[in-house]
Amino acid sequence: MNDASARSWKLERDADGIAWLTLDKPGTSANVLSAGVLSELDELLGALEHDRPRGAVLLSAKKSGFVAGADIKEFTTLADEASGYQLIQRGQHSRFRAGGRTRARPRLPLSRRGRR
């Protein structure tokens, strides 16, 4: 997340302690899960683990819906099967971190929805 103007996620907290994560991938009509989007999400989830909200809502700023799917343009950059597997693992890691459970740390109460 080097360029703040290129950020895809915006994090806000309300007075009730709810974290609102809004996805709005710049330059696209629909949100797609690119490596950059997943990296940003992982960074935000790490911050939320250190300062846990009461709950979290993931939503889209796009009229077209939450996420169309994977950024298939990135598939052309994969050098081999192992690279593809690493990309899949990254997506699963972010998904687990957002909604998975561990014994030591219960998951955040999450809600996913379209526009606010």
PDB file of N, CA and C in Angstrom:
ATOM      1  N   MET A   1       0.829  -1.165   0.000  1.00  0.00           N
ATOM      2  CA  MET A   1       0.000   0.000   0.000  1.00  0.00           C
ATOM      3  C   MET A   1       0.881   1.239   0.000  1.00  0.00           C
ATOM      4  N   ASN A   2       1.697   1.348  -1.017  1.00  0.00           N
ATOM      5  CA  ASN A   2       2.638   2.446  -1.112  1.00  0.00           C
ATOM      6  C   ASN A   2       1.969   3.754  -1.512  1.00  0.00           C
ATOM      7  N   ASP A   3       1.082   3.712  -2.489  1.00  0.00           N
ATOM      8  CA  ASP A   3       0.454   4.916  -3.020  1.00  0.00           C
ATOM      9  C   ASP A   3      -0.940   5.053  -2.423  1.00  0.00           C
ATOM     10  N   ALA A   4      -1.099   6.009  -1.509  1.00  0.00           N
ATOM     11  CA  ALA A   4      -2.381   6.171  -0.815  1.00  0.00           C
ATOM     12  C   ALA A   4      -3.511   6.474  -1.787  1.00  0.00           C
ATOM     13  N   SER A   5      -3.210   7.112  -2.927  1.00  0.00           N
ATOM     14  CA  SER A   5      -4.264   7.449  -3.879  1.00  0.00           C
ATOM     15  C   SER A   5      -4.761   6.216  -4.627  1.00  0.00           C
ATOM     16  N   ALA A   6      -4.000   5.132  -4.607  1.00  0.00           N
ATOM     17  CA  ALA A   6      -4.391   3.921  -5.322  1.00  0.00           C
ATOM     18  C   ALA A   6      -5.031   2.888  -4.402  1.00  0.00           C
ATOM     19  N   ARG A   7      -5.335   3.250  -3.194  1.00  0.00           N
ATOM     20  CA  ARG A   7      -5.917   2.306  -2.240  1.00  0.00           C
ATOM     21  C   ARG A   7      -7.295   1.853  -2.705  1.00  0.00           C
ATOM     22  N   SER A   8      -7.552   0.576  -2.518  1.00  0.00           N
ATOM     23  CA  SER A   8      -8.845  -0.003  -2.886  1.00  0.00           C
ATOM     24  C   SER A   8      -9.796  -0.081  -1.705  1.00  0.00           C
ATOM     25  N   TRP A   9      -9.280  -0.091  -0.503  1.00  0.00           N
ATOM     26  CA  TRP A   9     -10.101  -0.227   0.704  1.00  0.00           C
ATOM     27  C   TRP A   9     -10.073   1.062   1.509  1.00  0.00           C
ATOM     28  N   LYS A  10     -11.193   1.370   2.130  1.00  0.00           N
ATOM     29  CA  LYS A  10     -11.276   2.480   3.066  1.00  0.00           C
ATOM     30  C   LYS A  10     -11.822   1.926   4.378  1.00  0.00           C
ATOM     31  N   LEU A  11     -11.164   2.221   5.473  1.00  0.00           N
ATOM     32  CA  LEU A  11     -11.592   1.757   6.794  1.00  0.00           C
ATOM     33  C   LEU A  11     -12.105   2.927   7.600  1.00  0.00           C
ATOM     34  N   GLU A  12     -13.316   2.764   8.117  1.00  0.00           N
ATOM     35  CA  GLU A  12     -13.908   3.755   9.014  1.00  0.00           C
ATOM     36  C   GLU A  12     -14.462   3.013  10.219  1.00  0.00           C
ATOM     37  N   ARG A  13     -14.465   3.669  11.360  1.00  0.00           N
ATOM     38  CA  ARG A  13     -15.076   3.112  12.573  1.00  0.00           C
ATOM     39  C   ARG A  13     -16.183   4.055  13.026  1.00  0.00           C
ATOM     40  N   ASP A  14     -17.307   3.477  13.411  1.00  0.00           N
ATOM     41  CA  ASP A  14     -18.392   4.331  13.882  1.00  0.00           C
ATOM     42  C   ASP A  14     -18.388   4.406  15.411  1.00  0.00           C
ATOM     43  N   ALA A  15     -19.304   5.186  15.951  1.00  0.00           N
ATOM     44  CA  ALA A  15     -19.366   5.411  17.392  1.00  0.00           C
ATOM     45  C   ALA A  15     -19.719   4.150  18.172  1.00  0.00           C
ATOM     46  N   ASP A  16     -20.302   3.154  17.492  1.00  0.00           N
ATOM     47  CA  ASP A  16     -20.679   1.899  18.147  1.00  0.00           C
ATOM     48  C   ASP A  16     -19.554   0.870  18.136  1.00  0.00           C
ATOM     49  N   GLY A  17     -18.387   1.249  17.604  1.00  0.00           N
ATOM     50  CA  GLY A  17     -17.263   0.329  17.576  1.00  0.00           C
ATOM     51  C   GLY A  17     -17.290  -0.645  16.417  1.00  0.00           C
ATOM     52  N   ILE A  18     -18.065  -0.343  15.386  1.00  0.00           N
ATOM     53  CA  ILE A  18     -18.139  -1.189  14.193  1.00  0.00           C
ATOM     54  C   ILE A  18     -17.145  -0.666  13.163  1.00  0.00           C
ATOM     55  N   ALA A  19     -16.372  -1.583  12.585  1.00  0.00           N
ATOM     56  CA  ALA A  19     -15.429  -1.215  11.525  1.00  0.00           C
ATOM     57  C   ALA A  19     -16.133  -1.398  10.184  1.00  0.00           C
ATOM     58  N   TRP A  20     -16.108  -0.384   9.348  1.00  0.00           N
ATOM     59  CA  TRP A  20     -16.701  -0.404   8.011  1.00  0.00           C
ATOM     60  C   TRP A  20     -15.570  -0.429   7.003  1.00  0.00           C
ATOM     61  N   LEU A  21     -15.428  -1.530   6.260  1.00  0.00           N
ATOM     62  CA  LEU A  21     -14.400  -1.651   5.230  1.00  0.00           C
ATOM     63  C   LEU A  21     -15.090  -1.572   3.875  1.00  0.00           C
ATOM     64  N   THR A  22     -14.821  -0.506   3.139  1.00  0.00           N
ATOM     65  CA  THR A  22     -15.453  -0.271   1.846  1.00  0.00           C
ATOM     66  C   THR A  22     -14.453  -0.552   0.734  1.00  0.00           C
ATOM     67  N   LEU A  23     -14.850  -1.417  -0.193  1.00  0.00           N
ATOM     68  CA  LEU A  23     -14.007  -1.768  -1.331  1.00  0.00           C
ATOM     69  C   LEU A  23     -14.429  -0.941  -2.541  1.00  0.00           C
ATOM     70  N   ASP A  24     -13.450  -0.262  -3.134  1.00  0.00           N
ATOM     71  CA  ASP A  24     -13.685   0.543  -4.333  1.00  0.00           C
ATOM     72  C   ASP A  24     -12.381   0.564  -5.137  1.00  0.00           C
ATOM     73  N   LYS A  25     -12.162  -0.482  -5.929  1.00  0.00           N
ATOM     74  CA  LYS A  25     -10.919  -0.604  -6.692  1.00  0.00           C
ATOM     75  C   LYS A  25     -10.870   0.506  -7.742  1.00  0.00           C
ATOM     76  N   PRO A  26      -9.836   1.357  -7.679  1.00  0.00           N
ATOM     77  CA  PRO A  26      -9.735   2.484  -8.611  1.00  0.00           C
ATOM     78  C   PRO A  26      -9.613   2.024 -10.067  1.00  0.00           C
ATOM     79  N   GLY A  27     -10.243   2.777 -10.951  1.00  0.00           N
ATOM     80  CA  GLY A  27     -10.101   2.532 -12.379  1.00  0.00           C
ATOM     81  C   GLY A  27     -10.881   1.350 -12.919  1.00  0.00           C
ATOM     82  N   THR A  28     -11.807   0.809 -12.147  1.00  0.00           N
ATOM     83  CA  THR A  28     -12.594  -0.332 -12.609  1.00  0.00           C
ATOM     84  C   THR A  28     -14.076  -0.070 -12.372  1.00  0.00           C
ATOM     85  N   SER A  29     -14.919  -0.642 -13.219  1.00  0.00           N
ATOM     86  CA  SER A  29     -16.362  -0.494 -13.025  1.00  0.00           C
ATOM     87  C   SER A  29     -16.900  -1.517 -12.034  1.00  0.00           C
ATOM     88  N   ALA A  30     -16.126  -2.593 -11.826  1.00  0.00           N
ATOM     89  CA  ALA A  30     -16.492  -3.630 -10.855  1.00  0.00           C
ATOM     90  C   ALA A  30     -15.262  -3.951 -10.005  1.00  0.00           C
ATOM     91  N   ASN A  31     -15.493  -4.269  -8.756  1.00  0.00           N
ATOM     92  CA  ASN A  31     -14.393  -4.697  -7.899  1.00  0.00           C
ATOM     93  C   ASN A  31     -13.973  -6.107  -8.275  1.00  0.00           C
ATOM     94  N   VAL A  32     -12.674  -6.331  -8.344  1.00  0.00           N
ATOM     95  CA  VAL A  32     -12.125  -7.669  -8.573  1.00  0.00           C
ATOM     96  C   VAL A  32     -11.046  -7.918  -7.533  1.00  0.00           C
ATOM     97  N   LEU A  33     -10.843  -9.194  -7.218  1.00  0.00           N
ATOM     98  CA  LEU A  33      -9.838  -9.570  -6.229  1.00  0.00           C
ATOM     99  C   LEU A  33      -8.482  -9.724  -6.896  1.00  0.00           C
ATOM    100  N   SER A  34      -7.708  -8.679  -6.848  1.00  0.00           N
ATOM    101  CA  SER A  34      -6.341  -8.702  -7.367  1.00  0.00           C
ATOM    102  C   SER A  34      -5.395  -8.943  -6.196  1.00  0.00           C
ATOM    103  N   ALA A  35      -4.139  -9.183  -6.505  1.00  0.00           N
ATOM    104  CA  ALA A  35      -3.130  -9.355  -5.459  1.00  0.00           C
ATOM    105  C   ALA A  35      -3.058  -8.099  -4.589  1.00  0.00           C
ATOM    106  N   GLY A  36      -3.157  -6.932  -5.206  1.00  0.00           N
ATOM    107  CA  GLY A  36      -3.112  -5.681  -4.455  1.00  0.00           C
ATOM    108  C   GLY A  36      -4.292  -5.516  -3.514  1.00  0.00           C
ATOM    109  N   VAL A  37      -5.490  -5.855  -3.988  1.00  0.00           N
ATOM    110  CA  VAL A  37      -6.695  -5.766  -3.157  1.00  0.00           C
ATOM    111  C   VAL A  37      -6.567  -6.700  -1.953  1.00  0.00           C
ATOM    112  N   LEU A  38      -6.091  -7.922  -2.196  1.00  0.00           N
ATOM    113  CA  LEU A  38      -5.926  -8.884  -1.108  1.00  0.00           C
ATOM    114  C   LEU A  38      -4.851  -8.444  -0.124  1.00  0.00           C
ATOM    115  N   SER A  39      -3.774  -7.868  -0.629  1.00  0.00           N
ATOM    116  CA  SER A  39      -2.696  -7.391   0.235  1.00  0.00           C
ATOM    117  C   SER A  39      -3.188  -6.261   1.140  1.00  0.00           C
ATOM    118  N   GLU A  40      -3.945  -5.338   0.565  1.00  0.00           N
ATOM    119  CA  GLU A  40      -4.519  -4.246   1.361  1.00  0.00           C
ATOM    120  C   GLU A  40      -5.460  -4.783   2.427  1.00  0.00           C
ATOM    121  N   LEU A  41      -6.317  -5.731   2.042  1.00  0.00           N
ATOM    122  CA  LEU A  41      -7.262  -6.308   2.994  1.00  0.00           C
ATOM    123  C   LEU A  41      -6.513  -6.992   4.132  1.00  0.00           C
ATOM    124  N   ASP A  42      -5.481  -7.726   3.798  1.00  0.00           N
ATOM    125  CA  ASP A  42      -4.699  -8.415   4.815  1.00  0.00           C
ATOM    126  C   ASP A  42      -4.073  -7.417   5.788  1.00  0.00           C
ATOM    127  N   GLU A  43      -3.577  -6.307   5.270  1.00  0.00           N
ATOM    128  CA  GLU A  43      -2.996  -5.268   6.125  1.00  0.00           C
ATOM    129  C   GLU A  43      -4.042  -4.671   7.059  1.00  0.00           C
ATOM    130  N   LEU A  44      -5.222  -4.385   6.527  1.00  0.00           N
ATOM    131  CA  LEU A  44      -6.297  -3.824   7.354  1.00  0.00           C
ATOM    132  C   LEU A  44      -6.749  -4.815   8.415  1.00  0.00           C
ATOM    133  N   LEU A  45      -6.853  -6.086   8.050  1.00  0.00           N
ATOM    134  CA  LEU A  45      -7.268  -7.098   9.028  1.00  0.00           C
ATOM    135  C   LEU A  45      -6.236  -7.240  10.134  1.00  0.00           C
ATOM    136  N   GLY A  46      -4.962  -7.107   9.781  1.00  0.00           N
ATOM    137  CA  GLY A  46      -3.915  -7.126  10.802  1.00  0.00           C
ATOM    138  C   GLY A  46      -4.082  -5.988  11.793  1.00  0.00           C
ATOM    139  N   ALA A  47      -4.398  -4.799  11.291  1.00  0.00           N
ATOM    140  CA  ALA A  47      -4.625  -3.649  12.169  1.00  0.00           C
ATOM    141  C   ALA A  47      -5.842  -3.881  13.061  1.00  0.00           C
ATOM    142  N   LEU A  48      -6.889  -4.498  12.505  1.00  0.00           N
ATOM    143  CA  LEU A  48      -8.096  -4.762  13.290  1.00  0.00           C
ATOM    144  C   LEU A  48      -7.858  -5.831  14.352  1.00  0.00           C
ATOM    145  N   GLU A  49      -6.929  -6.739  14.111  1.00  0.00           N
ATOM    146  CA  GLU A  49      -6.610  -7.750  15.121  1.00  0.00           C
ATOM    147  C   GLU A  49      -5.963  -7.110  16.345  1.00  0.00           C
ATOM    148  N   HIS A  50      -5.228  -6.021  16.144  1.00  0.00           N
ATOM    149  CA  HIS A  50      -4.564  -5.350  17.264  1.00  0.00           C
ATOM    150  C   HIS A  50      -5.496  -4.398  17.998  1.00  0.00           C
ATOM    151  N   ASP A  51      -6.498  -3.887  17.324  1.00  0.00           N
ATOM    152  CA  ASP A  51      -7.471  -2.973  17.915  1.00  0.00           C
ATOM    153  C   ASP A  51      -8.847  -3.439  17.466  1.00  0.00           C
ATOM    154  N   ARG A  52      -9.304  -4.525  18.099  1.00  0.00           N
ATOM    155  CA  ARG A  52     -10.503  -5.223  17.636  1.00  0.00           C
ATOM    156  C   ARG A  52     -11.771  -4.383  17.780  1.00  0.00           C
ATOM    157  N   PRO A  53     -12.540  -4.298  16.681  1.00  0.00           N
ATOM    158  CA  PRO A  53     -13.851  -3.645  16.751  1.00  0.00           C
ATOM    159  C   PRO A  53     -14.880  -4.623  17.312  1.00  0.00           C
ATOM    160  N   ARG A  54     -16.075  -4.126  17.610  1.00  0.00           N
ATOM    161  CA  ARG A  54     -17.165  -5.005  18.043  1.00  0.00           C
ATOM    162  C   ARG A  54     -17.622  -5.900  16.908  1.00  0.00           C
ATOM    163  N   GLY A  55     -17.487  -5.421  15.692  1.00  0.00           N
ATOM    164  CA  GLY A  55     -17.882  -6.157  14.496  1.00  0.00           C
ATOM    165  C   GLY A  55     -17.320  -5.442  13.285  1.00  0.00           C
ATOM    166  N   ALA A  56     -17.495  -6.066  12.140  1.00  0.00           N
ATOM    167  CA  ALA A  56     -16.989  -5.466  10.905  1.00  0.00           C
ATOM    168  C   ALA A  56     -18.004  -5.684   9.788  1.00  0.00           C
ATOM    169  N   VAL A  57     -18.122  -4.682   8.933  1.00  0.00           N
ATOM    170  CA  VAL A  57     -18.989  -4.750   7.763  1.00  0.00           C
ATOM    171  C   VAL A  57     -18.117  -4.525   6.541  1.00  0.00           C
ATOM    172  N   LEU A  58     -18.155  -5.452   5.595  1.00  0.00           N
ATOM    173  CA  LEU A  58     -17.449  -5.311   4.325  1.00  0.00           C
ATOM    174  C   LEU A  58     -18.485  -4.926   3.288  1.00  0.00           C
ATOM    175  N   LEU A  59     -18.254  -3.832   2.586  1.00  0.00           N
ATOM    176  CA  LEU A  59     -19.217  -3.393   1.594  1.00  0.00           C
ATOM    177  C   LEU A  59     -18.526  -2.825   0.377  1.00  0.00           C
ATOM    178  N   SER A  60     -19.295  -2.641  -0.662  1.00  0.00           N
ATOM    179  CA  SER A  60     -18.782  -2.151  -1.937  1.00  0.00           C
ATOM    180  C   SER A  60     -19.266  -0.739  -2.201  1.00  0.00           C
ATOM    181  N   ALA A  61     -18.382   0.053  -2.780  1.00  0.00           N
ATOM    182  CA  ALA A  61     -18.772   1.385  -3.242  1.00  0.00           C
ATOM    183  C   ALA A  61     -19.267   1.334  -4.684  1.00  0.00           C
ATOM    184  N   LYS A  62     -19.142   0.172  -5.330  1.00  0.00           N
ATOM    185  CA  LYS A  62     -19.542   0.018  -6.740  1.00  0.00           C
ATOM    186  C   LYS A  62     -21.022  -0.336  -6.846  1.00  0.00           C
ATOM    187  N   LYS A  63     -21.681   0.228  -7.839  1.00  0.00           N
ATOM    188  CA  LYS A  63     -23.090  -0.089  -8.091  1.00  0.00           C
ATOM    189  C   LYS A  63     -23.252  -1.516  -8.589  1.00  0.00           C
ATOM    190  N   SER A  64     -22.191  -2.075  -9.193  1.00  0.00           N
ATOM    191  CA  SER A  64     -22.276  -3.403  -9.819  1.00  0.00           C
ATOM    192  C   SER A  64     -22.258  -4.554  -8.820  1.00  0.00           C
ATOM    193  N   GLY A  65     -22.027  -4.283  -7.550  1.00  0.00           N
ATOM    194  CA  GLY A  65     -22.024  -5.341  -6.550  1.00  0.00           C
ATOM    195  C   GLY A  65     -20.737  -5.367  -5.757  1.00  0.00           C
ATOM    196  N   PHE A  66     -20.574  -6.409  -4.956  1.00  0.00           N
ATOM    197  CA  PHE A  66     -19.428  -6.465  -4.059  1.00  0.00           C
ATOM    198  C   PHE A  66     -18.143  -6.800  -4.802  1.00  0.00           C
ATOM    199  N   VAL A  67     -18.001  -8.027  -5.298  1.00  0.00           N
ATOM    200  CA  VAL A  67     -16.799  -8.443  -6.028  1.00  0.00           C
ATOM    201  C   VAL A  67     -17.215  -9.328  -7.190  1.00  0.00           C
ATOM    202  N   ALA A  68     -16.698  -9.027  -8.373  1.00  0.00           N
ATOM    203  CA  ALA A  68     -17.024  -9.821  -9.558  1.00  0.00           C
ATOM    204  C   ALA A  68     -16.278 -11.154  -9.558  1.00  0.00           C
ATOM    205  N   GLY A  69     -15.158 -11.230  -8.860  1.00  0.00           N
ATOM    206  CA  GLY A  69     -14.357 -12.448  -8.809  1.00  0.00           C
ATOM    207  C   GLY A  69     -12.885 -12.101  -8.874  1.00  0.00           C
ATOM    208  N   ALA A  70     -12.084 -13.080  -9.269  1.00  0.00           N
ATOM    209  CA  ALA A  70     -10.643 -12.876  -9.356  1.00  0.00           C
ATOM    210  C   ALA A  70     -10.305 -11.937 -10.509  1.00  0.00           C
ATOM    211  N   ASP A  71      -9.194 -11.249 -10.380  1.00  0.00           N
ATOM    212  CA  ASP A  71      -8.690 -10.394 -11.454  1.00  0.00           C
ATOM    213  C   ASP A  71      -7.989 -11.299 -12.466  1.00  0.00           C
ATOM    214  N   ILE A  72      -8.716 -11.716 -13.488  1.00  0.00           N
ATOM    215  CA  ILE A  72      -8.177 -12.713 -14.421  1.00  0.00           C
ATOM    216  C   ILE A  72      -7.015 -12.169 -15.251  1.00  0.00           C
ATOM    217  N   LYS A  73      -6.864 -10.851 -15.308  1.00  0.00           N
ATOM    218  CA  LYS A  73      -5.701 -10.284 -16.002  1.00  0.00           C
ATOM    219  C   LYS A  73      -4.400 -10.723 -15.330  1.00  0.00           C
ATOM    220  N   GLU A  74      -4.454 -10.947 -14.025  1.00  0.00           N
ATOM    221  CA  GLU A  74      -3.256 -11.383 -13.304  1.00  0.00           C
ATOM    222  C   GLU A  74      -2.862 -12.813 -13.660  1.00  0.00           C
ATOM    223  N   PHE A  75      -3.797 -13.602 -14.150  1.00  0.00           N
ATOM    224  CA  PHE A  75      -3.485 -14.993 -14.498  1.00  0.00           C
ATOM    225  C   PHE A  75      -2.415 -15.063 -15.583  1.00  0.00           C
ATOM    226  N   THR A  76      -2.387 -14.068 -16.456  1.00  0.00           N
ATOM    227  CA  THR A  76      -1.402 -14.083 -17.552  1.00  0.00           C
ATOM    228  C   THR A  76       0.018 -13.841 -17.061  1.00  0.00           C
ATOM    229  N   THR A  77       0.155 -13.377 -15.822  1.00  0.00           N
ATOM    230  CA  THR A  77       1.488 -13.119 -15.277  1.00  0.00           C
ATOM    231  C   THR A  77       2.057 -14.312 -14.520  1.00  0.00           C
ATOM    232  N   LEU A  78       1.259 -15.365 -14.363  1.00  0.00           N
ATOM    233  CA  LEU A  78       1.709 -16.530 -13.612  1.00  0.00           C
ATOM    234  C   LEU A  78       2.722 -17.325 -14.435  1.00  0.00           C
ATOM    235  N   ALA A  79       3.870 -17.572 -13.839  1.00  0.00           N
ATOM    236  CA  ALA A  79       4.953 -18.260 -14.549  1.00  0.00           C
ATOM    237  C   ALA A  79       4.744 -19.769 -14.603  1.00  0.00           C
ATOM    238  N   ASP A  80       4.110 -20.325 -13.564  1.00  0.00           N
ATOM    239  CA  ASP A  80       3.961 -21.775 -13.491  1.00  0.00           C
ATOM    240  C   ASP A  80       2.834 -22.146 -12.527  1.00  0.00           C
ATOM    241  N   GLU A  81       2.618 -23.422 -12.375  1.00  0.00           N
ATOM    242  CA  GLU A  81       1.549 -23.922 -11.510  1.00  0.00           C
ATOM    243  C   GLU A  81       1.759 -23.482 -10.060  1.00  0.00           C
ATOM    244  N   ALA A  82       2.999 -23.472  -9.603  1.00  0.00           N
ATOM    245  CA  ALA A  82       3.297 -23.079  -8.228  1.00  0.00           C
ATOM    246  C   ALA A  82       2.900 -21.625  -7.971  1.00  0.00           C
ATOM    247  N   SER A  83       3.108 -20.757  -8.957  1.00  0.00           N
ATOM    248  CA  SER A  83       2.712 -19.350  -8.815  1.00  0.00           C
ATOM    249  C   SER A  83       1.199 -19.226  -8.677  1.00  0.00           C
ATOM    250  N   GLY A  84       0.477 -20.014  -9.446  1.00  0.00           N
ATOM    251  CA  GLY A  84      -0.978 -20.023  -9.352  1.00  0.00           C
ATOM    252  C   GLY A  84      -1.450 -20.500  -7.991  1.00  0.00           C
ATOM    253  N   TYR A  85      -0.793 -21.526  -7.491  1.00  0.00           N
ATOM    254  CA  TYR A  85      -1.145 -22.059  -6.171  1.00  0.00           C
ATOM    255  C   TYR A  85      -0.892 -21.013  -5.087  1.00  0.00           C
ATOM    256  N   GLN A  86       0.213 -20.273  -5.180  1.00  0.00           N
ATOM    257  CA  GLN A  86       0.511 -19.218  -4.207  1.00  0.00           C
ATOM    258  C   GLN A  86      -0.548 -18.121  -4.229  1.00  0.00           C
ATOM    259  N   LEU A  87      -1.019 -17.779  -5.424  1.00  0.00           N
ATOM    260  CA  LEU A  87      -2.063 -16.764  -5.552  1.00  0.00           C
ATOM    261  C   LEU A  87      -3.355 -17.237  -4.877  1.00  0.00           C
ATOM    262  N   ILE A  88      -3.707 -18.496  -5.083  1.00  0.00           N
ATOM    263  CA  ILE A  88      -4.901 -19.063  -4.446  1.00  0.00           C
ATOM    264  C   ILE A  88      -4.741 -19.069  -2.929  1.00  0.00           C
ATOM    265  N   GLN A  89      -3.574 -19.458  -2.446  1.00  0.00           N
ATOM    266  CA  GLN A  89      -3.328 -19.488  -1.007  1.00  0.00           C
ATOM    267  C   GLN A  89      -3.460 -18.098  -0.388  1.00  0.00           C
ATOM    268  N   ARG A  90      -2.984 -17.084  -1.091  1.00  0.00           N
ATOM    269  CA  ARG A  90      -3.090 -15.718  -0.581  1.00  0.00           C
ATOM    270  C   ARG A  90      -4.556 -15.328  -0.408  1.00  0.00           C
ATOM    271  N   GLY A  91      -5.376 -15.644  -1.389  1.00  0.00           N
ATOM    272  CA  GLY A  91      -6.801 -15.345  -1.287  1.00  0.00           C
ATOM    273  C   GLY A  91      -7.468 -16.094  -0.151  1.00  0.00           C
ATOM    274  N   GLN A  92      -7.128 -17.362   0.021  1.00  0.00           N
ATOM    275  CA  GLN A  92      -7.710 -18.146   1.105  1.00  0.00           C
ATOM    276  C   GLN A  92      -7.243 -17.638   2.464  1.00  0.00           C
ATOM    277  N   HIS A  93      -5.997 -17.199   2.559  1.00  0.00           N
ATOM    278  CA  HIS A  93      -5.476 -16.660   3.815  1.00  0.00           C
ATOM    279  C   HIS A  93      -6.274 -15.422   4.231  1.00  0.00           C
ATOM    280  N   SER A  94      -6.516 -14.513   3.286  1.00  0.00           N
ATOM    281  CA  SER A  94      -7.274 -13.300   3.600  1.00  0.00           C
ATOM    282  C   SER A  94      -8.702 -13.642   3.986  1.00  0.00           C
ATOM    283  N   ARG A  95      -9.298 -14.592   3.279  1.00  0.00           N
ATOM    284  CA  ARG A  95     -10.665 -15.003   3.598  1.00  0.00           C
ATOM    285  C   ARG A  95     -10.736 -15.609   4.987  1.00  0.00           C
ATOM    286  N   PHE A  96      -9.778 -16.483   5.314  1.00  0.00           N
ATOM    287  CA  PHE A  96      -9.768 -17.111   6.634  1.00  0.00           C
ATOM    288  C   PHE A  96      -9.550 -16.064   7.719  1.00  0.00           C
ATOM    289  N   ARG A  97      -8.642 -15.143   7.454  1.00  0.00           N
ATOM    290  CA  ARG A  97      -8.343 -14.121   8.451  1.00  0.00           C
ATOM    291  C   ARG A  97      -9.565 -13.245   8.710  1.00  0.00           C
ATOM    292  N   ALA A  98     -10.346 -12.982   7.687  1.00  0.00           N
ATOM    293  CA  ALA A  98     -11.536 -12.138   7.839  1.00  0.00           C
ATOM    294  C   ALA A  98     -12.677 -12.864   8.536  1.00  0.00           C
ATOM    295  N   GLY A  99     -12.867 -14.138   8.229  1.00  0.00           N
ATOM    296  CA  GLY A  99     -14.050 -14.800   8.756  1.00  0.00           C
ATOM    297  C   GLY A  99     -13.794 -16.136   9.397  1.00  0.00           C
ATOM    298  N   GLY A 100     -12.547 -16.563   9.457  1.00  0.00           N
ATOM    299  CA  GLY A 100     -12.226 -17.857  10.045  1.00  0.00           C
ATOM    300  C   GLY A 100     -12.138 -17.798  11.553  1.00  0.00           C
ATOM    301  N   ARG A 101     -12.082 -18.942  12.146  1.00  0.00           N
ATOM    302  CA  ARG A 101     -11.970 -19.026  13.600  1.00  0.00           C
ATOM    303  C   ARG A 101     -10.653 -19.696  13.979  1.00  0.00           C
ATOM    304  N   THR A 102     -10.143 -19.291  15.103  1.00  0.00           N
ATOM    305  CA  THR A 102      -9.044 -20.008  15.729  1.00  0.00           C
ATOM    306  C   THR A 102      -9.452 -20.242  17.170  1.00  0.00           C
ATOM    307  N   ARG A 103      -8.808 -21.168  17.829  1.00  0.00           N
ATOM    308  CA  ARG A 103      -9.155 -21.412  19.234  1.00  0.00           C
ATOM    309  C   ARG A 103      -8.830 -20.197  20.093  1.00  0.00           C
ATOM    310  N   ALA A 104      -7.697 -19.572  19.824  1.00  0.00           N
ATOM    311  CA  ALA A 104      -7.252 -18.455  20.658  1.00  0.00           C
ATOM    312  C   ALA A 104      -8.029 -17.176  20.378  1.00  0.00           C
ATOM    313  N   ARG A 105      -8.515 -17.032  19.164  1.00  0.00           N
ATOM    314  CA  ARG A 105      -9.110 -15.771  18.772  1.00  0.00           C
ATOM    315  C   ARG A 105     -10.373 -16.011  17.961  1.00  0.00           C
ATOM    316  N   PRO A 106     -11.562 -15.762  18.546  1.00  0.00           N
ATOM    317  CA  PRO A 106     -12.773 -15.937  17.743  1.00  0.00           C
ATOM    318  C   PRO A 106     -12.820 -14.907  16.623  1.00  0.00           C
ATOM    319  N   ARG A 107     -13.530 -15.247  15.574  1.00  0.00           N
ATOM    320  CA  ARG A 107     -13.601 -14.339  14.428  1.00  0.00           C
ATOM    321  C   ARG A 107     -14.403 -13.092  14.749  1.00  0.00           C
ATOM    322  N   LEU A 108     -14.196 -12.081  13.925  1.00  0.00           N
ATOM    323  CA  LEU A 108     -14.982 -10.860  14.043  1.00  0.00           C
ATOM    324  C   LEU A 108     -16.391 -11.139  13.541  1.00  0.00           C
ATOM    325  N   PRO A 109     -17.411 -10.582  14.183  1.00  0.00           N
ATOM    326  CA  PRO A 109     -18.738 -10.653  13.582  1.00  0.00           C
ATOM    327  C   PRO A 109     -18.709  -9.853  12.280  1.00  0.00           C
ATOM    328  N   LEU A 110     -19.026 -10.502  11.155  1.00  0.00           N
ATOM    329  CA  LEU A 110     -18.915  -9.860   9.844  1.00  0.00           C
ATOM    330  C   LEU A 110     -20.262  -9.781   9.154  1.00  0.00           C
ATOM    331  N   SER A 111     -20.405  -8.745   8.367  1.00  0.00           N
ATOM    332  CA  SER A 111     -21.533  -8.615   7.460  1.00  0.00           C
ATOM    333  C   SER A 111     -20.983  -8.192   6.119  1.00  0.00           C
ATOM    334  N   ARG A 112     -21.420  -8.833   5.039  1.00  0.00           N
ATOM    335  CA  ARG A 112     -21.010  -8.438   3.695  1.00  0.00           C
ATOM    336  C   ARG A 112     -22.252  -7.942   2.965  1.00  0.00           C
ATOM    337  N   ARG A 113     -22.110  -6.807   2.322  1.00  0.00           N
ATOM    338  CA  ARG A 113     -23.270  -6.289   1.612  1.00  0.00           C
ATOM    339  C   ARG A 113     -22.831  -5.372   0.501  1.00  0.00           C
ATOM    340  N   GLY A 114     -23.803  -4.979  -0.306  1.00  0.00           N
ATOM    341  CA  GLY A 114     -23.536  -4.058  -1.412  1.00  0.00           C
ATOM    342  C   GLY A 114     -23.248  -2.664  -0.891  1.00  0.00           C
ATOM    343  N   ARG A 115     -23.809  -1.691  -1.522  1.00  0.00           N
ATOM    344  CA  ARG A 115     -23.533  -0.299  -1.151  1.00  0.00           C
ATOM    345  C   ARG A 115     -24.212   0.074   0.146  1.00  0.00           C
ATOM    346  N   ARG A 116     -23.640   1.046   0.832  1.00  0.00           N
ATOM    347  CA  ARG A 116     -24.182   1.565   2.093  1.00  0.00           C
ATOM    348  C   ARG A 116     -25.441   2.337   1.859  1.00  0.00           C
TER     349      ARG A 116
END
